[in-house]
Amino acid sequence: MPEAMSIATATRAGLPATRMVLLKAFDERGFVFYTNFESRKGEELKANPRASLLFHWKSLQRQLRIEGAVETVSAAEADAYFATRPRGAQIAAWASPQSQAYGERGELEQLNREAESRFAEAAAVPRPPFWSGYRVVPELFEFWEERLFRLHDRLVYRRAEQGWRTERLYP
């Protein structure tokens, strides 16, 4: 899964958290993933809108780290992406109060059945108002390439007033 990436966020107080998400789009504006605004990462991004992404491709002996500010994608972008998701995933977005604790698996399954029933007659499942995408606007790229005896290559590109500044880091 080359699109799998870890994302690190932090609370306003600086307590970090890392988890895996999937990259769903990228362009000159940044790197996009989707989630529930009420999830832990959504709450952290509201309080501290900065993140770090990490792609690790072990078989290629490469990784890419990206740091930057985070912004919410437009409603049109979120709607367009949500419409491409399988119907079951659309229903699950409504059913799961993401990152909230619950007792038994049956509770989640019941919420999913209720959401299925709610949209049973709908031709299309609308995007929940609490679900959207975030764009990480890159300020730093670090390209890492594994080399023998830990003599790895590390190239960093930092956004500057005009363009990007490049530097090589010791491994």
Protein backbone atom coordinates (compact mmCIF):
# COMPACT_ATOMS: atom_id res chain seq x y z
CA MET A 1 0.00 0.00 0.00
CA PRO A 2 2.20 2.86 -1.19
CA GLU A 3 -0.48 5.36 -0.11
CA ALA A 4 -0.29 4.30 3.55
CA MET A 5 1.26 6.99 5.72
CA SER A 6 1.65 7.66 9.36
CA ILE A 7 0.43 11.03 10.57
CA ALA A 8 1.63 12.65 13.74
CA THR A 9 -0.48 15.29 15.43
CA ALA A 10 -0.25 16.90 18.84
CA THR A 11 -2.57 18.46 21.36
CA ARG A 12 -2.35 22.18 22.09
CA ALA A 13 -0.13 21.19 25.06
CA GLY A 14 2.19 19.22 22.76
CA LEU A 15 1.18 15.62 23.60
CA PRO A 16 1.90 13.72 20.36
CA ALA A 17 -0.06 10.92 18.74
CA THR A 18 0.73 8.92 15.60
CA ARG A 19 -1.52 6.68 13.54
CA MET A 20 -1.82 5.30 10.00
CA VAL A 21 -4.08 6.89 7.40
CA LEU A 22 -4.33 6.68 3.62
CA LEU A 23 -3.27 9.43 1.25
CA LYS A 24 -6.29 10.16 -0.95
CA ALA A 25 -5.04 13.06 -3.08
CA PHE A 26 -2.03 15.27 -3.63
CA ASP A 27 -1.23 18.22 -5.83
CA GLU A 28 0.76 21.45 -5.70
CA ARG A 29 -1.35 22.54 -2.70
CA GLY A 30 -0.51 19.56 -0.49
CA PHE A 31 -1.39 16.04 0.68
CA VAL A 32 -4.99 15.07 1.52
CA PHE A 33 -6.53 12.49 3.85
CA TYR A 34 -10.08 12.16 5.21
CA THR A 35 -11.43 11.56 8.69
CA ASN A 36 -14.07 12.39 11.26
CA PHE A 37 -13.64 15.91 12.69
CA GLU A 38 -14.68 14.51 16.10
CA SER A 39 -11.94 11.85 16.13
CA ARG A 40 -8.85 12.31 18.24
CA LYS A 41 -6.84 13.50 15.23
CA GLY A 42 -9.65 15.86 14.24
CA GLU A 43 -9.74 17.38 17.72
CA GLU A 44 -5.95 17.68 17.79
CA LEU A 45 -5.85 19.32 14.37
CA LYS A 46 -8.50 21.82 15.47
CA ALA A 47 -6.39 22.74 18.52
CA ASN A 48 -3.00 22.57 16.79
CA PRO A 49 -3.29 22.65 12.97
CA ARG A 50 0.12 21.20 12.16
CA ALA A 51 1.12 17.65 11.24
CA SER A 52 3.92 15.42 10.10
CA LEU A 53 3.43 12.66 7.54
CA LEU A 54 5.72 9.69 7.01
CA PHE A 55 5.72 7.31 4.07
CA HIS A 56 7.98 4.29 4.61
CA TRP A 57 8.62 1.98 1.68
CA LYS A 58 10.83 -0.73 3.21
CA SER A 59 11.16 -2.76 0.01
CA LEU A 60 12.47 0.33 -1.79
CA GLN A 61 14.69 1.32 1.16
CA ARG A 62 13.17 4.79 1.07
CA GLN A 63 11.05 7.04 3.20
CA LEU A 64 9.57 10.49 2.80
CA ARG A 65 8.73 12.80 5.69
CA ILE A 66 6.54 15.88 5.20
CA GLU A 67 5.83 18.58 7.77
CA GLY A 68 3.43 21.46 7.48
CA ALA A 69 0.36 23.39 8.40
CA VAL A 70 -3.01 21.70 8.02
CA GLU A 71 -6.14 23.10 6.42
CA THR A 72 -9.59 21.67 5.79
CA VAL A 73 -10.41 20.80 2.19
CA SER A 74 -13.38 22.53 0.57
CA ALA A 75 -16.86 21.07 0.98
CA ALA A 76 -16.91 20.40 -2.77
CA GLU A 77 -13.67 18.39 -2.55
CA ALA A 78 -14.95 16.41 0.44
CA ASP A 79 -18.31 15.74 -1.22
CA ALA A 80 -16.65 14.58 -4.44
CA TYR A 81 -14.34 12.19 -2.60
CA PHE A 82 -17.10 10.90 -0.29
CA ALA A 83 -19.21 10.03 -3.36
CA THR A 84 -16.43 7.70 -4.61
CA ARG A 85 -16.35 5.64 -1.41
CA PRO A 86 -18.12 2.27 -1.30
CA ARG A 87 -21.63 2.61 0.14
CA GLY A 88 -20.64 0.50 3.17
CA ALA A 89 -17.82 2.92 3.98
CA GLN A 90 -20.22 5.86 3.58
CA ILE A 91 -22.65 4.21 6.02
CA ALA A 92 -19.82 3.46 8.46
CA ALA A 93 -18.83 7.15 8.47
CA TRP A 94 -22.31 7.93 9.85
CA ALA A 95 -22.36 4.95 12.22
CA SER A 96 -19.08 5.25 14.09
CA PRO A 97 -18.44 7.96 16.69
CA GLN A 98 -14.74 7.64 15.85
CA SER A 99 -12.24 7.52 18.72
CA GLN A 100 -14.98 7.26 21.37
CA ALA A 101 -14.93 4.32 23.80
CA TYR A 102 -17.63 1.64 23.70
CA GLY A 103 -18.33 -1.64 25.44
CA GLU A 104 -18.91 -4.51 23.06
CA ARG A 105 -18.56 -5.08 19.32
CA GLY A 106 -22.32 -5.47 19.08
CA GLU A 107 -22.77 -1.76 19.86
CA LEU A 108 -20.85 -0.72 16.74
CA GLU A 109 -22.69 -3.29 14.64
CA GLN A 110 -26.04 -1.96 15.94
CA LEU A 111 -25.08 1.63 15.08
CA ASN A 112 -24.14 0.44 11.60
CA ARG A 113 -27.50 -1.33 11.16
CA GLU A 114 -29.29 1.85 12.26
CA ALA A 115 -27.33 3.93 9.74
CA GLU A 116 -28.06 1.36 7.01
CA SER A 117 -31.74 1.60 7.84
CA ARG A 118 -31.64 5.41 7.86
CA PHE A 119 -30.26 5.49 4.31
CA ALA A 120 -31.95 2.36 2.95
CA GLU A 121 -34.16 4.33 0.55
CA ALA A 122 -31.54 6.95 -0.37
CA ALA A 123 -30.03 6.72 -3.83
CA ALA A 124 -26.87 8.33 -2.46
CA VAL A 125 -25.57 8.61 1.08
CA PRO A 126 -24.76 12.25 1.91
CA ARG A 127 -21.45 13.18 3.51
CA PRO A 128 -21.82 13.64 7.28
CA PRO A 129 -21.24 17.23 8.42
CA PHE A 130 -18.61 15.95 10.89
CA TRP A 131 -16.57 14.14 8.20
CA SER A 132 -14.20 15.80 5.74
CA GLY A 133 -10.65 16.03 4.57
CA TYR A 134 -7.48 17.72 5.67
CA ARG A 135 -4.67 18.98 3.51
CA VAL A 136 -1.12 19.07 4.86
CA VAL A 137 0.54 22.06 3.19
CA PRO A 138 4.21 21.14 3.04
CA GLU A 139 6.84 23.36 4.60
CA LEU A 140 9.47 20.60 4.77
CA PHE A 141 10.25 17.44 2.79
CA GLU A 142 12.88 14.98 3.93
CA PHE A 143 13.88 12.25 1.51
CA TRP A 144 15.73 9.33 3.13
CA GLU A 145 17.51 6.56 1.26
CA GLU A 146 19.00 3.55 3.03
CA ARG A 147 22.69 2.90 2.39
CA LEU A 148 25.19 0.34 3.61
CA PHE A 149 26.63 0.64 7.11
CA ARG A 150 24.06 3.28 8.07
CA LEU A 151 25.57 5.87 5.71
CA HIS A 152 22.07 6.84 4.59
CA ASP A 153 21.29 9.77 2.34
CA ARG A 154 19.04 12.45 3.82
CA LEU A 155 17.98 15.44 1.73
CA VAL A 156 15.80 18.14 3.25
CA TYR A 157 13.87 20.77 1.34
CA ARG A 158 12.52 23.68 3.40
CA ARG A 159 10.09 26.22 2.06
CA ALA A 160 11.76 29.61 1.75
CA GLU A 161 10.43 33.05 0.82
CA GLN A 162 11.13 32.21 -2.80
CA GLY A 163 11.18 28.51 -3.58
CA TRP A 164 12.90 25.85 -1.49
CA ARG A 165 16.18 25.68 0.41
CA THR A 166 17.99 22.33 0.23
CA GLU A 167 20.37 20.78 2.72
CA ARG A 168 21.90 17.37 3.30
CA LEU A 169 21.71 15.92 6.84
CA TYR A 170 24.07 13.47 8.46
CA PRO A 171 22.39 10.10 9.05
